[in-house]
Amino acid sequence: MATAAKSVATPARSDAAHRTKPTGWILRAVVSAHMVAILGQPVFAGVYLSGDYDALGWHAAGANAVTSIGYLQVIAAIMVWIRLRQVRPFLATMAVVAAETVQYFAGLDGALWLHIPLGVMTIAGLVVQFIAVWRRPLQRRPAEQKEANDA
């Protein structure tokens, strides 16, 4: 009977432990907003390349929004690292934001040979990150415990 009681109680505790924490929800929200903003960029670029030269202003405004949201995502990822002890979202965010920053300045400089391929890679990286943060719960990882005998 004790074994049956343990197996019934374990899933309830397990479900509670696997819920996404508020810090994780903030990261999810920022990554989602980042995703929406970045998906508009190729649309604005395509409208511009179709001959509507006013769309270049939309593309520039979108670049400012995407970059700003990316820096907010860095802050959210740092909070996930500190509060939930998960470093991977921070490392992935830094890779995306670094690529975005280089791409931003390549666009300002008119270096389309770098701006366009880096833009494609940045969108792909953010899509992968979006899937990763929504696929599993963002929960606190246990702290590494030192054994008393090691001291």
C-alpha atoms as a PDB file:
ATOM      1  CA  MET A   1       0.000   0.000   0.000  1.00  0.00           C
ATOM      2  CA  ALA A   2       2.835   2.427   0.749  1.00  0.00           C
ATOM      3  CA  THR A   3       4.169   1.932  -2.778  1.00  0.00           C
ATOM      4  CA  ALA A   4       0.823   2.769  -4.355  1.00  0.00           C
ATOM      5  CA  ALA A   5       0.529   5.897  -2.224  1.00  0.00           C
ATOM      6  CA  LYS A   6       3.997   7.020  -3.316  1.00  0.00           C
ATOM      7  CA  SER A   7       3.234   6.540  -7.012  1.00  0.00           C
ATOM      8  CA  VAL A   8       0.004   8.524  -6.714  1.00  0.00           C
ATOM      9  CA  ALA A   9       1.674  11.394  -4.820  1.00  0.00           C
ATOM     10  CA  THR A  10       4.743  11.598  -7.051  1.00  0.00           C
ATOM     11  CA  PRO A  11       3.004  12.846 -10.248  1.00  0.00           C
ATOM     12  CA  ALA A  12       1.315  15.706  -8.366  1.00  0.00           C
ATOM     13  CA  ARG A  13       4.640  16.908  -6.994  1.00  0.00           C
ATOM     14  CA  SER A  14       6.262  16.318 -10.361  1.00  0.00           C
ATOM     15  CA  ASP A  15       3.631  18.435 -12.171  1.00  0.00           C
ATOM     16  CA  ALA A  16       4.087  21.284  -9.707  1.00  0.00           C
ATOM     17  CA  ALA A  17       7.860  21.152 -10.144  1.00  0.00           C
ATOM     18  CA  HIS A  18       7.629  21.297 -13.950  1.00  0.00           C
ATOM     19  CA  ARG A  19       5.582  24.466 -14.248  1.00  0.00           C
ATOM     20  CA  THR A  20       7.155  27.473 -15.903  1.00  0.00           C
ATOM     21  CA  LYS A  21       8.100  30.144 -13.379  1.00  0.00           C
ATOM     22  CA  PRO A  22       7.129  33.834 -13.844  1.00  0.00           C
ATOM     23  CA  THR A  23      10.676  34.684 -14.941  1.00  0.00           C
ATOM     24  CA  GLY A  24      10.355  32.041 -17.661  1.00  0.00           C
ATOM     25  CA  TRP A  25       7.052  33.537 -18.793  1.00  0.00           C
ATOM     26  CA  ILE A  26       8.692  36.944 -19.110  1.00  0.00           C
ATOM     27  CA  LEU A  27      11.412  35.452 -21.331  1.00  0.00           C
ATOM     28  CA  ARG A  28       8.760  33.681 -23.402  1.00  0.00           C
ATOM     29  CA  ALA A  29       6.838  36.938 -23.858  1.00  0.00           C
ATOM     30  CA  VAL A  30       9.931  38.898 -24.896  1.00  0.00           C
ATOM     31  CA  VAL A  31      11.114  36.169 -27.292  1.00  0.00           C
ATOM     32  CA  SER A  32       7.610  36.080 -28.808  1.00  0.00           C
ATOM     33  CA  ALA A  33       7.538  39.860 -29.279  1.00  0.00           C
ATOM     34  CA  HIS A  34      11.040  39.687 -30.759  1.00  0.00           C
ATOM     35  CA  MET A  35       9.846  37.002 -33.148  1.00  0.00           C
ATOM     36  CA  VAL A  36       6.848  39.048 -34.330  1.00  0.00           C
ATOM     37  CA  ALA A  37       9.007  42.127 -34.849  1.00  0.00           C
ATOM     38  CA  ILE A  38      11.748  40.327 -36.749  1.00  0.00           C
ATOM     39  CA  LEU A  39       9.301  38.591 -39.105  1.00  0.00           C
ATOM     40  CA  GLY A  40       8.183  41.988 -40.383  1.00  0.00           C
ATOM     41  CA  GLN A  41      11.683  42.903 -41.525  1.00  0.00           C
ATOM     42  CA  PRO A  42      11.834  40.755 -44.678  1.00  0.00           C
ATOM     43  CA  VAL A  43       8.340  41.968 -45.583  1.00  0.00           C
ATOM     44  CA  PHE A  44       9.409  45.618 -45.358  1.00  0.00           C
ATOM     45  CA  ALA A  45      12.600  44.850 -47.296  1.00  0.00           C
ATOM     46  CA  GLY A  46      10.581  43.075 -49.993  1.00  0.00           C
ATOM     47  CA  VAL A  47       8.178  46.012 -50.328  1.00  0.00           C
ATOM     48  CA  TYR A  48      11.188  48.323 -50.672  1.00  0.00           C
ATOM     49  CA  LEU A  49      12.807  46.089 -53.291  1.00  0.00           C
ATOM     50  CA  SER A  50       9.485  46.051 -55.192  1.00  0.00           C
ATOM     51  CA  GLY A  51       9.868  49.770 -55.774  1.00  0.00           C
ATOM     52  CA  ASP A  52       8.095  51.405 -52.829  1.00  0.00           C
ATOM     53  CA  TYR A  53      10.995  53.457 -51.528  1.00  0.00           C
ATOM     54  CA  ASP A  54       9.037  54.662 -48.482  1.00  0.00           C
ATOM     55  CA  ALA A  55       9.250  51.098 -47.164  1.00  0.00           C
ATOM     56  CA  LEU A  56      12.940  51.665 -46.428  1.00  0.00           C
ATOM     57  CA  GLY A  57      11.786  53.906 -43.571  1.00  0.00           C
ATOM     58  CA  TRP A  58       9.540  51.099 -42.318  1.00  0.00           C
ATOM     59  CA  HIS A  59      12.475  48.705 -42.521  1.00  0.00           C
ATOM     60  CA  ALA A  60      14.660  51.128 -40.533  1.00  0.00           C
ATOM     61  CA  ALA A  61      11.954  51.629 -37.883  1.00  0.00           C
ATOM     62  CA  GLY A  62      11.510  47.861 -37.697  1.00  0.00           C
ATOM     63  CA  ALA A  63      15.253  47.428 -37.262  1.00  0.00           C
ATOM     64  CA  ASN A  64      15.183  49.841 -34.335  1.00  0.00           C
ATOM     65  CA  ALA A  65      12.280  47.934 -32.761  1.00  0.00           C
ATOM     66  CA  VAL A  66      13.888  44.525 -33.321  1.00  0.00           C
ATOM     67  CA  THR A  67      17.193  45.682 -31.866  1.00  0.00           C
ATOM     68  CA  SER A  68      15.517  47.248 -28.827  1.00  0.00           C
ATOM     69  CA  ILE A  69      13.479  44.129 -28.128  1.00  0.00           C
ATOM     70  CA  GLY A  70      16.674  42.079 -28.521  1.00  0.00           C
ATOM     71  CA  TYR A  71      18.344  44.099 -25.768  1.00  0.00           C
ATOM     72  CA  LEU A  72      15.263  43.600 -23.564  1.00  0.00           C
ATOM     73  CA  GLN A  73      15.603  39.897 -24.261  1.00  0.00           C
ATOM     74  CA  VAL A  74      19.187  40.024 -22.958  1.00  0.00           C
ATOM     75  CA  ILE A  75      17.872  41.420 -19.671  1.00  0.00           C
ATOM     76  CA  ALA A  76      15.158  38.741 -19.470  1.00  0.00           C
ATOM     77  CA  ALA A  77      17.716  36.020 -20.243  1.00  0.00           C
ATOM     78  CA  ILE A  78      20.008  37.320 -17.501  1.00  0.00           C
ATOM     79  CA  MET A  79      17.088  37.084 -15.073  1.00  0.00           C
ATOM     80  CA  VAL A  80      16.437  33.494 -16.175  1.00  0.00           C
ATOM     81  CA  TRP A  81      20.110  32.723 -15.621  1.00  0.00           C
ATOM     82  CA  ILE A  82      20.121  34.266 -12.143  1.00  0.00           C
ATOM     83  CA  ARG A  83      16.708  33.150 -10.885  1.00  0.00           C
ATOM     84  CA  LEU A  84      16.256  29.824 -12.661  1.00  0.00           C
ATOM     85  CA  ARG A  85      19.934  28.887 -12.974  1.00  0.00           C
ATOM     86  CA  GLN A  86      19.669  28.288 -16.717  1.00  0.00           C
ATOM     87  CA  VAL A  87      22.494  29.725 -18.786  1.00  0.00           C
ATOM     88  CA  ARG A  88      21.491  28.382 -22.213  1.00  0.00           C
ATOM     89  CA  PRO A  89      18.789  30.988 -22.918  1.00  0.00           C
ATOM     90  CA  PHE A  90      21.334  33.715 -22.131  1.00  0.00           C
ATOM     91  CA  LEU A  91      23.980  32.240 -24.436  1.00  0.00           C
ATOM     92  CA  ALA A  92      21.477  31.788 -27.264  1.00  0.00           C
ATOM     93  CA  THR A  93      20.167  35.325 -26.768  1.00  0.00           C
ATOM     94  CA  MET A  94      23.679  36.771 -26.852  1.00  0.00           C
ATOM     95  CA  ALA A  95      24.404  34.944 -30.116  1.00  0.00           C
ATOM     96  CA  VAL A  96      21.205  36.259 -31.737  1.00  0.00           C
ATOM     97  CA  VAL A  97      21.663  39.811 -30.425  1.00  0.00           C
ATOM     98  CA  ALA A  98      25.329  39.938 -31.474  1.00  0.00           C
ATOM     99  CA  ALA A  99      24.370  38.835 -34.989  1.00  0.00           C
ATOM    100  CA  GLU A 100      21.505  41.353 -35.004  1.00  0.00           C
ATOM    101  CA  THR A 101      23.813  44.173 -33.973  1.00  0.00           C
ATOM    102  CA  VAL A 102      26.342  43.366 -36.697  1.00  0.00           C
ATOM    103  CA  GLN A 103      23.496  43.074 -39.184  1.00  0.00           C
ATOM    104  CA  TYR A 104      22.042  46.411 -38.059  1.00  0.00           C
ATOM    105  CA  PHE A 105      25.302  48.254 -38.716  1.00  0.00           C
ATOM    106  CA  ALA A 106      25.870  46.375 -41.987  1.00  0.00           C
ATOM    107  CA  GLY A 107      22.462  47.626 -43.119  1.00  0.00           C
ATOM    108  CA  LEU A 108      23.279  51.194 -42.139  1.00  0.00           C
ATOM    109  CA  ASP A 109      26.542  50.925 -44.071  1.00  0.00           C
ATOM    110  CA  GLY A 110      24.803  49.447 -47.119  1.00  0.00           C
ATOM    111  CA  ALA A 111      26.812  46.210 -46.973  1.00  0.00           C
ATOM    112  CA  LEU A 112      24.014  44.058 -48.394  1.00  0.00           C
ATOM    113  CA  TRP A 113      26.436  41.178 -49.016  1.00  0.00           C
ATOM    114  CA  LEU A 114      26.542  40.808 -45.192  1.00  0.00           C
ATOM    115  CA  HIS A 115      23.203  42.320 -44.185  1.00  0.00           C
ATOM    116  CA  ILE A 116      20.932  39.938 -46.106  1.00  0.00           C
ATOM    117  CA  PRO A 117      22.546  36.552 -45.286  1.00  0.00           C
ATOM    118  CA  LEU A 118      23.052  37.572 -41.660  1.00  0.00           C
ATOM    119  CA  GLY A 119      19.407  38.624 -41.514  1.00  0.00           C
ATOM    120  CA  VAL A 120      18.323  35.183 -42.716  1.00  0.00           C
ATOM    121  CA  MET A 121      20.573  33.496 -40.150  1.00  0.00           C
ATOM    122  CA  THR A 122      19.329  35.781 -37.379  1.00  0.00           C
ATOM    123  CA  ILE A 123      15.698  34.977 -38.143  1.00  0.00           C
ATOM    124  CA  ALA A 124      16.500  31.253 -38.224  1.00  0.00           C
ATOM    125  CA  GLY A 125      18.310  31.505 -34.883  1.00  0.00           C
ATOM    126  CA  LEU A 126      15.416  33.345 -33.279  1.00  0.00           C
ATOM    127  CA  VAL A 127      12.916  30.779 -34.624  1.00  0.00           C
ATOM    128  CA  VAL A 128      14.989  28.002 -33.017  1.00  0.00           C
ATOM    129  CA  GLN A 129      15.124  29.951 -29.759  1.00  0.00           C
ATOM    130  CA  PHE A 130      11.368  30.595 -29.881  1.00  0.00           C
ATOM    131  CA  ILE A 131      10.722  26.865 -30.237  1.00  0.00           C
ATOM    132  CA  ALA A 132      13.174  26.070 -27.434  1.00  0.00           C
ATOM    133  CA  VAL A 133      11.616  28.418 -24.864  1.00  0.00           C
ATOM    134  CA  TRP A 134       8.089  27.230 -25.628  1.00  0.00           C
ATOM    135  CA  ARG A 135       8.868  23.523 -25.912  1.00  0.00           C
ATOM    136  CA  ARG A 136       9.780  22.826 -22.296  1.00  0.00           C
ATOM    137  CA  PRO A 137       8.875  24.473 -19.018  1.00  0.00           C
ATOM    138  CA  LEU A 138      11.380  27.040 -17.788  1.00  0.00           C
ATOM    139  CA  GLN A 139      11.877  25.983 -14.208  1.00  0.00           C
ATOM    140  CA  ARG A 140      14.482  26.473 -11.535  1.00  0.00           C
ATOM    141  CA  ARG A 141      17.325  24.015 -11.628  1.00  0.00           C
ATOM    142  CA  PRO A 142      18.597  22.714  -8.318  1.00  0.00           C
ATOM    143  CA  ALA A 143      21.845  24.191  -7.034  1.00  0.00           C
ATOM    144  CA  GLU A 144      24.864  21.943  -7.145  1.00  0.00           C
ATOM    145  CA  GLN A 145      25.464  20.583  -3.675  1.00  0.00           C
ATOM    146  CA  LYS A 146      28.933  20.038  -2.333  1.00  0.00           C
ATOM    147  CA  GLU A 147      29.593  16.930  -0.365  1.00  0.00           C
ATOM    148  CA  ALA A 148      30.848  17.404   3.172  1.00  0.00           C
ATOM    149  CA  ASN A 149      33.671  14.938   2.574  1.00  0.00           C
ATOM    150  CA  ASP A 150      35.151  17.029  -0.273  1.00  0.00           C
ATOM    151  CA  ALA A 151      35.978  19.961   2.020  1.00  0.00           C
END
